[in-house]
C-alpha atoms as a PDB file:
ATOM      1  CA  UNK A   1    -221.729 105.069 117.329  1.00  0.00           C
ATOM      2  CA  UNK A   2    -218.830 107.447 117.855  1.00  0.00           C
ATOM      3  CA  UNK A   3    -218.714 110.646 119.868  1.00  0.00           C
ATOM      4  CA  UNK A   4    -217.277 112.777 117.051  1.00  0.00           C
ATOM      5  CA  UNK A   5    -219.070 115.992 116.174  1.00  0.00           C
ATOM      6  CA  UNK A   6    -219.120 118.215 113.145  1.00  0.00           C
ATOM      7  CA  UNK A   7    -220.710 121.515 112.267  1.00  0.00           C
ATOM      8  CA  UNK A   8    -223.771 121.110 110.075  1.00  0.00           C
ATOM      9  CA  UNK A   9    -223.409 123.589 107.216  1.00  0.00           C
ATOM     10  CA  UNK A  10    -225.962 122.067 104.794  1.00  0.00           C
ATOM     11  CA  UNK A  11    -229.177 122.695 106.678  1.00  0.00           C
ATOM     12  CA  UNK A  12    -231.107 125.639 107.993  1.00  0.00           C
ATOM     13  CA  UNK A  13    -229.534 124.934 111.390  1.00  0.00           C
ATOM     14  CA  UNK A  14    -226.216 126.242 110.147  1.00  0.00           C
ATOM     15  CA  UNK A  15    -223.533 126.361 112.836  1.00  0.00           C
ATOM     16  CA  UNK A  16    -225.064 123.775 115.192  1.00  0.00           C
ATOM     17  CA  UNK A  17    -223.138 120.736 116.331  1.00  0.00           C
ATOM     18  CA  UNK A  18    -224.513 117.417 115.135  1.00  0.00           C
ATOM     19  CA  UNK A  19    -223.508 113.917 116.258  1.00  0.00           C
ATOM     20  CA  UNK A  20    -221.596 112.099 113.528  1.00  0.00           C
ATOM     21  CA  UNK A  21    -221.512 108.389 112.839  1.00  0.00           C
ATOM     22  CA  UNK A  22    -218.374 108.793 110.721  1.00  0.00           C
ATOM     23  CA  UNK A  23    -215.485 106.736 112.066  1.00  0.00           C
ATOM     24  CA  UNK A  24    -212.236 108.659 111.940  1.00  0.00           C
ATOM     25  CA  UNK A  25    -208.987 106.765 111.263  1.00  0.00           C
ATOM     26  CA  UNK A  26    -206.985 105.533 114.257  1.00  0.00           C
ATOM     27  CA  UNK A  27    -204.452 108.148 115.391  1.00  0.00           C
ATOM     28  CA  UNK A  28    -200.879 106.980 115.621  1.00  0.00           C
ATOM     29  CA  UNK A  29    -198.900 106.113 117.652  1.00  0.00           C
ATOM     30  CA  UNK A  30    -201.552 103.924 119.227  1.00  0.00           C
ATOM     31  CA  UNK A  31    -199.522 103.602 122.457  1.00  0.00           C
ATOM     32  CA  UNK A  32    -200.031 107.341 122.992  1.00  0.00           C
ATOM     33  CA  UNK A  33    -203.520 107.981 121.656  1.00  0.00           C
ATOM     34  CA  UNK A  34    -205.239 104.854 122.970  1.00  0.00           C
ATOM     35  CA  UNK A  35    -204.987 105.887 126.630  1.00  0.00           C
ATOM     36  CA  UNK A  36    -206.767 108.506 128.692  1.00  0.00           C
ATOM     37  CA  UNK A  37    -208.811 111.426 127.485  1.00  0.00           C
ATOM     38  CA  UNK A  38    -208.157 114.051 124.859  1.00  0.00           C
ATOM     39  CA  UNK A  39    -206.209 116.869 126.590  1.00  0.00           C
ATOM     40  CA  UNK A  40    -206.674 120.565 126.012  1.00  0.00           C
ATOM     41  CA  UNK A  41    -205.403 121.125 122.480  1.00  0.00           C
ATOM     42  CA  UNK A  42    -203.181 124.011 123.618  1.00  0.00           C
ATOM     43  CA  UNK A  43    -201.155 121.723 125.878  1.00  0.00           C
ATOM     44  CA  UNK A  44    -200.883 119.026 123.233  1.00  0.00           C
ATOM     45  CA  UNK A  45    -199.705 121.541 120.627  1.00  0.00           C
ATOM     46  CA  UNK A  46    -197.207 123.041 123.093  1.00  0.00           C
ATOM     47  CA  UNK A  47    -195.813 119.540 123.649  1.00  0.00           C
ATOM     48  CA  UNK A  48    -195.503 119.098 119.886  1.00  0.00           C
ATOM     49  CA  UNK A  49    -193.747 122.465 119.484  1.00  0.00           C
ATOM     50  CA  UNK A  50    -191.265 121.495 122.190  1.00  0.00           C
ATOM     51  CA  UNK A  51    -190.524 118.192 120.448  1.00  0.00           C
ATOM     52  CA  UNK A  52    -190.024 120.004 117.160  1.00  0.00           C
ATOM     53  CA  UNK A  53    -187.616 122.427 118.849  1.00  0.00           C
ATOM     54  CA  UNK A  54    -185.565 119.453 120.088  1.00  0.00           C
ATOM     55  CA  UNK A  55    -185.572 117.983 116.575  1.00  0.00           C
ATOM     56  CA  UNK A  56    -184.427 121.351 115.217  1.00  0.00           C
ATOM     57  CA  UNK A  57    -181.569 121.336 117.736  1.00  0.00           C
ATOM     58  CA  UNK A  58    -180.673 117.784 116.672  1.00  0.00           C
ATOM     59  CA  UNK A  59    -180.654 118.827 113.022  1.00  0.00           C
ATOM     60  CA  UNK A  60    -178.383 121.781 113.855  1.00  0.00           C
ATOM     61  CA  UNK A  61    -175.941 119.420 115.592  1.00  0.00           C
ATOM     62  CA  UNK A  62    -175.856 117.101 112.569  1.00  0.00           C
ATOM     63  CA  UNK A  63    -175.427 120.048 110.200  1.00  0.00           C
ATOM     64  CA  UNK A  64    -172.609 121.394 112.385  1.00  0.00           C
ATOM     65  CA  UNK A  65    -170.919 117.990 112.335  1.00  0.00           C
ATOM     66  CA  UNK A  66    -171.111 117.827 108.545  1.00  0.00           C
ATOM     67  CA  UNK A  67    -169.698 121.342 108.315  1.00  0.00           C
ATOM     68  CA  UNK A  68    -166.830 120.416 110.613  1.00  0.00           C
ATOM     69  CA  UNK A  69    -165.888 117.405 108.483  1.00  0.00           C
ATOM     70  CA  UNK A  70    -165.775 119.703 105.471  1.00  0.00           C
ATOM     71  CA  UNK A  71    -163.537 122.185 107.279  1.00  0.00           C
ATOM     72  CA  UNK A  72    -161.280 119.525 108.836  1.00  0.00           C
ATOM     73  CA  UNK A  73    -159.007 119.411 105.788  1.00  0.00           C
ATOM     74  CA  UNK A  74    -158.275 123.127 106.157  1.00  0.00           C
ATOM     75  CA  UNK A  75    -157.155 122.932 109.790  1.00  0.00           C
ATOM     76  CA  UNK A  76    -153.948 121.543 111.183  1.00  0.00           C
ATOM     77  CA  UNK A  77    -155.789 119.479 113.795  1.00  0.00           C
ATOM     78  CA  UNK A  78    -158.033 117.489 111.514  1.00  0.00           C
ATOM     79  CA  UNK A  79    -158.233 114.489 113.886  1.00  0.00           C
ATOM     80  CA  UNK A  80    -159.706 116.619 116.681  1.00  0.00           C
ATOM     81  CA  UNK A  81    -162.114 118.323 114.297  1.00  0.00           C
ATOM     82  CA  UNK A  82    -163.250 114.950 112.943  1.00  0.00           C
ATOM     83  CA  UNK A  83    -163.798 113.668 116.490  1.00  0.00           C
ATOM     84  CA  UNK A  84    -165.893 116.724 117.379  1.00  0.00           C
ATOM     85  CA  UNK A  85    -167.852 116.240 114.143  1.00  0.00           C
ATOM     86  CA  UNK A  86    -168.536 112.598 114.996  1.00  0.00           C
ATOM     87  CA  UNK A  87    -169.712 113.594 118.482  1.00  0.00           C
ATOM     88  CA  UNK A  88    -171.958 116.329 117.048  1.00  0.00           C
ATOM     89  CA  UNK A  89    -173.547 114.040 114.445  1.00  0.00           C
ATOM     90  CA  UNK A  90    -174.013 111.203 116.929  1.00  0.00           C
ATOM     91  CA  UNK A  91    -175.487 113.527 119.532  1.00  0.00           C
ATOM     92  CA  UNK A  92    -177.871 114.954 116.941  1.00  0.00           C
ATOM     93  CA  UNK A  93    -179.133 111.499 116.021  1.00  0.00           C
ATOM     94  CA  UNK A  94    -179.613 110.491 119.650  1.00  0.00           C
ATOM     95  CA  UNK A  95    -181.292 113.810 120.468  1.00  0.00           C
ATOM     96  CA  UNK A  96    -183.832 113.333 117.658  1.00  0.00           C
ATOM     97  CA  UNK A  97    -184.768 109.911 119.052  1.00  0.00           C
ATOM     98  CA  UNK A  98    -184.965 111.303 122.594  1.00  0.00           C
ATOM     99  CA  UNK A  99    -187.219 114.137 121.355  1.00  0.00           C
ATOM    100  CA  UNK A 100    -189.715 111.579 120.055  1.00  0.00           C
ATOM    101  CA  UNK A 101    -189.468 109.555 123.269  1.00  0.00           C
ATOM    102  CA  UNK A 102    -190.028 112.700 125.406  1.00  0.00           C
ATOM    103  CA  UNK A 103    -192.994 113.769 123.272  1.00  0.00           C
ATOM    104  CA  UNK A 104    -194.608 110.352 123.799  1.00  0.00           C
ATOM    105  CA  UNK A 105    -194.005 110.457 127.568  1.00  0.00           C
ATOM    106  CA  UNK A 106    -195.417 113.963 127.881  1.00  0.00           C
ATOM    107  CA  UNK A 107    -198.423 113.298 125.643  1.00  0.00           C
ATOM    108  CA  UNK A 108    -199.336 110.169 127.622  1.00  0.00           C
ATOM    109  CA  UNK A 109    -199.035 112.118 130.875  1.00  0.00           C
ATOM    110  CA  UNK A 110    -201.311 114.838 129.476  1.00  0.00           C
ATOM    111  CA  UNK A 111    -203.881 112.275 128.338  1.00  0.00           C
ATOM    112  CA  UNK A 112    -203.818 110.477 131.696  1.00  0.00           C
ATOM    113  CA  UNK A 113    -203.927 113.792 133.610  1.00  0.00           C
ATOM    114  CA  UNK A 114    -200.671 112.991 135.409  1.00  0.00           C
ATOM    115  CA  UNK A 115    -197.797 115.336 136.249  1.00  0.00           C
ATOM    116  CA  UNK A 116    -195.362 115.814 133.383  1.00  0.00           C
ATOM    117  CA  UNK A 117    -192.135 113.808 133.691  1.00  0.00           C
ATOM    118  CA  UNK A 118    -188.825 115.571 134.260  1.00  0.00           C
ATOM    119  CA  UNK A 119    -187.067 116.865 131.092  1.00  0.00           C
ATOM    120  CA  UNK A 120    -184.182 114.374 130.993  1.00  0.00           C
ATOM    121  CA  UNK A 121    -182.661 115.408 127.615  1.00  0.00           C
ATOM    122  CA  UNK A 122    -182.073 118.981 128.779  1.00  0.00           C
ATOM    123  CA  UNK A 123    -179.653 117.958 131.535  1.00  0.00           C
ATOM    124  CA  UNK A 124    -177.778 115.527 129.261  1.00  0.00           C
ATOM    125  CA  UNK A 125    -177.455 118.052 126.437  1.00  0.00           C
ATOM    126  CA  UNK A 126    -176.260 120.815 128.762  1.00  0.00           C
ATOM    127  CA  UNK A 127    -173.802 118.471 130.492  1.00  0.00           C
ATOM    128  CA  UNK A 128    -172.455 117.242 127.157  1.00  0.00           C
ATOM    129  CA  UNK A 129    -171.966 120.785 125.890  1.00  0.00           C
ATOM    130  CA  UNK A 130    -170.146 121.737 129.086  1.00  0.00           C
ATOM    131  CA  UNK A 131    -167.776 118.759 128.793  1.00  0.00           C
ATOM    132  CA  UNK A 132    -167.195 119.413 125.075  1.00  0.00           C
ATOM    133  CA  UNK A 133    -166.505 123.123 125.588  1.00  0.00           C
ATOM    134  CA  UNK A 134    -164.047 122.433 128.423  1.00  0.00           C
ATOM    135  CA  UNK A 135    -162.289 119.817 126.297  1.00  0.00           C
ATOM    136  CA  UNK A 136    -162.012 122.166 123.329  1.00  0.00           C
ATOM    137  CA  UNK A 137    -160.777 124.990 125.567  1.00  0.00           C
ATOM    138  CA  UNK A 138    -158.041 122.736 126.967  1.00  0.00           C
ATOM    139  CA  UNK A 139    -157.129 121.659 123.413  1.00  0.00           C
ATOM    140  CA  UNK A 140    -156.899 125.312 122.311  1.00  0.00           C
ATOM    141  CA  UNK A 141    -154.629 126.201 125.237  1.00  0.00           C
ATOM    142  CA  UNK A 142    -152.360 123.190 124.687  1.00  0.00           C
ATOM    143  CA  UNK A 143    -152.147 123.871 120.938  1.00  0.00           C
ATOM    144  CA  UNK A 144    -151.306 127.534 121.556  1.00  0.00           C
ATOM    145  CA  UNK A 145    -148.626 126.720 124.135  1.00  0.00           C
ATOM    146  CA  UNK A 146    -147.035 124.061 121.908  1.00  0.00           C
ATOM    147  CA  UNK A 147    -146.948 126.360 118.856  1.00  0.00           C
ATOM    148  CA  UNK A 148    -144.714 128.930 120.597  1.00  0.00           C
END
């Protein structure tokens, strides 16, 4: 017998909760949903929204990389533009995988009523953007000085 409940809408007791013997399908991934207790749905949905925001950021990086490869033929520094495009696409792919990994870690922590782990991808993404922006700024200065 399972502990799932549903609202009985077919009887005169409309709106009352009744115990159900219906077995629901196993939620996946099992490594996440097989441990602990069901957390407050608001926290679980907030975790999902955060993961989707990371995936959206990853998709933007991949789209930016594809755009850069298209524009590389127009610029005079196509090698640099291609390198930045490769870094953007690669970072987007890695970030999508890390978003899934972070979602799993956070969801398990919620289910086990443990403190949430530190947001590792945020520091790596910010650090990578800082390094990339400094590198591109140096490239722009060198290119400008050499063109005079």
